[in-house]
Amino acid sequence: LVCACGRDASVAPLAAEALRKAFGVYDEMEGSQLECDAYTYAALIRACVKVGDPERALALYDRMAASGKPRVERTQQVFAVAIHACAARRPAADLPKALQIWSDMRREHKT
């Protein structure tokens, strides 16, 4: 469901509403016993980038690691969309943050 809302975020007239719905589902999951997985986080991060909100995408990436719940393993897909969010920052790409994410990936996946 989050992914479907995220896909709608790429359609300009639907973008704001789609992102609002995606985060509504996310908030509902966080408030219940349902656990958000890496796929959920990747879909939300991607949706934020699609609507031009890379700051929110990166805040979600950081929140994923700082969660009080059992930590969700960040997958290569999560790292890739987070680095894409760094590239989407304006007025210029956020290279230091991208390098930090790259370092996180190497540390967590021992590559």
Protein backbone atom coordinates (compact mmCIF):
# COMPACT_ATOMS: atom_id res chain seq x y z
CA LEU A 1 0.00 0.00 0.00
CA VAL A 2 2.83 2.39 0.85
CA CYS A 3 4.53 1.49 -2.43
CA ALA A 4 1.34 2.17 -4.41
CA CYS A 5 1.01 5.60 -2.82
CA GLY A 6 4.68 6.20 -3.52
CA ARG A 7 4.20 5.39 -7.19
CA ASP A 8 1.38 7.93 -7.39
CA ALA A 9 3.86 10.48 -6.06
CA SER A 10 5.48 10.52 -9.49
CA VAL A 11 2.29 11.93 -11.04
CA ALA A 12 2.46 15.67 -10.41
CA PRO A 13 -1.26 16.33 -9.76
CA LEU A 14 -1.38 13.44 -7.27
CA ALA A 15 2.03 13.88 -5.64
CA ALA A 16 1.22 15.76 -2.43
CA GLU A 17 -1.87 13.70 -1.65
CA ALA A 18 -0.10 10.43 -2.47
CA LEU A 19 2.79 11.26 -0.15
CA ARG A 20 0.37 12.28 2.61
CA LYS A 21 -1.42 8.93 2.26
CA ALA A 22 1.85 6.99 2.19
CA PHE A 23 2.99 8.62 5.43
CA GLY A 24 -0.48 8.07 6.90
CA VAL A 25 -0.09 4.33 6.34
CA TYR A 26 3.47 4.48 7.71
CA ASP A 27 2.33 6.33 10.84
CA GLU A 28 -0.45 3.81 11.34
CA MET A 29 2.04 0.94 11.03
CA GLU A 30 4.43 2.61 13.48
CA GLY A 31 1.60 3.10 15.97
CA SER A 32 0.46 -0.52 15.80
CA GLN A 33 2.11 -3.88 16.13
CA LEU A 34 2.88 -3.95 12.41
CA GLU A 35 6.55 -3.54 11.66
CA CYS A 36 7.88 -1.42 8.85
CA ASP A 37 10.43 -3.30 6.80
CA ALA A 38 13.21 -2.14 4.50
CA TYR A 39 10.82 -2.28 1.53
CA THR A 40 8.47 0.17 3.28
CA TYR A 41 11.30 2.56 4.07
CA ALA A 42 12.71 2.37 0.53
CA ALA A 43 9.27 3.10 -0.95
CA LEU A 44 8.79 6.12 1.32
CA ILE A 45 12.27 7.49 0.68
CA ARG A 46 11.75 7.08 -3.07
CA ALA A 47 8.36 8.83 -2.88
CA CYS A 48 9.88 11.79 -1.02
CA VAL A 49 12.53 12.17 -3.71
CA LYS A 50 9.88 11.97 -6.46
CA VAL A 51 7.93 14.87 -4.97
CA GLY A 52 11.07 16.95 -4.52
CA ASP A 53 11.52 16.54 -0.77
CA PRO A 54 14.96 14.95 -0.37
CA GLU A 55 15.32 16.42 3.14
CA ARG A 56 12.34 14.39 4.33
CA ALA A 57 13.75 11.33 2.56
CA LEU A 58 17.07 11.67 4.40
CA ALA A 59 15.36 12.34 7.71
CA LEU A 60 13.48 9.06 7.22
CA TYR A 61 16.77 7.27 6.44
CA ASP A 62 18.22 8.62 9.70
CA ARG A 63 15.06 7.74 11.62
CA MET A 64 15.31 4.18 10.34
CA ALA A 65 18.65 3.75 12.13
CA ALA A 66 17.56 5.57 15.28
CA SER A 67 14.27 3.72 15.74
CA GLY A 68 13.52 2.61 19.28
CA LYS A 69 12.03 -0.58 17.92
CA PRO A 70 14.21 -3.48 16.82
CA ARG A 71 16.34 -2.02 14.07
CA VAL A 72 15.33 -2.76 10.50
CA GLU A 73 18.23 -3.98 8.43
CA ARG A 74 18.92 -1.44 5.73
CA THR A 75 19.11 -3.15 2.37
CA GLN A 76 21.07 -2.13 -0.69
CA GLN A 77 17.82 -0.73 -2.09
CA VAL A 78 17.47 1.57 0.94
CA PHE A 79 21.06 2.75 0.61
CA ALA A 80 20.61 3.38 -3.13
CA VAL A 81 17.48 5.50 -2.78
CA ALA A 82 19.03 7.43 0.14
CA ILE A 83 22.09 8.24 -1.98
CA HIS A 84 19.70 9.30 -4.75
CA ALA A 85 18.07 11.66 -2.23
CA CYS A 86 21.50 13.20 -1.58
CA ALA A 87 21.89 13.81 -5.30
CA ALA A 88 18.43 15.42 -5.45
CA ARG A 89 19.20 18.05 -2.79
CA ARG A 90 19.19 21.61 -4.03
CA PRO A 91 20.91 23.88 -4.76
CA ALA A 92 23.66 21.25 -4.80
CA ALA A 93 24.02 17.55 -4.10
CA ASP A 94 24.94 16.60 -0.53
CA LEU A 95 28.20 14.73 -1.11
CA PRO A 96 29.17 14.44 2.60
CA LYS A 97 25.82 12.77 3.42
CA ALA A 98 26.13 10.48 0.37
CA LEU A 99 29.59 9.41 1.54
CA GLN A 100 28.23 8.77 5.05
CA ILE A 101 25.50 6.54 3.59
CA TRP A 102 28.11 4.73 1.49
CA SER A 103 30.15 4.18 4.66
CA ASP A 104 27.03 2.89 6.48
CA MET A 105 26.45 0.41 3.67
CA ARG A 106 30.05 -0.82 3.69
CA ARG A 107 30.01 -1.21 7.48
CA GLU A 108 26.64 -2.96 7.64
CA HIS A 109 27.22 -5.23 4.66
CA LYS A 110 30.99 -5.64 4.99
CA THR A 111 31.63 -4.89 1.31
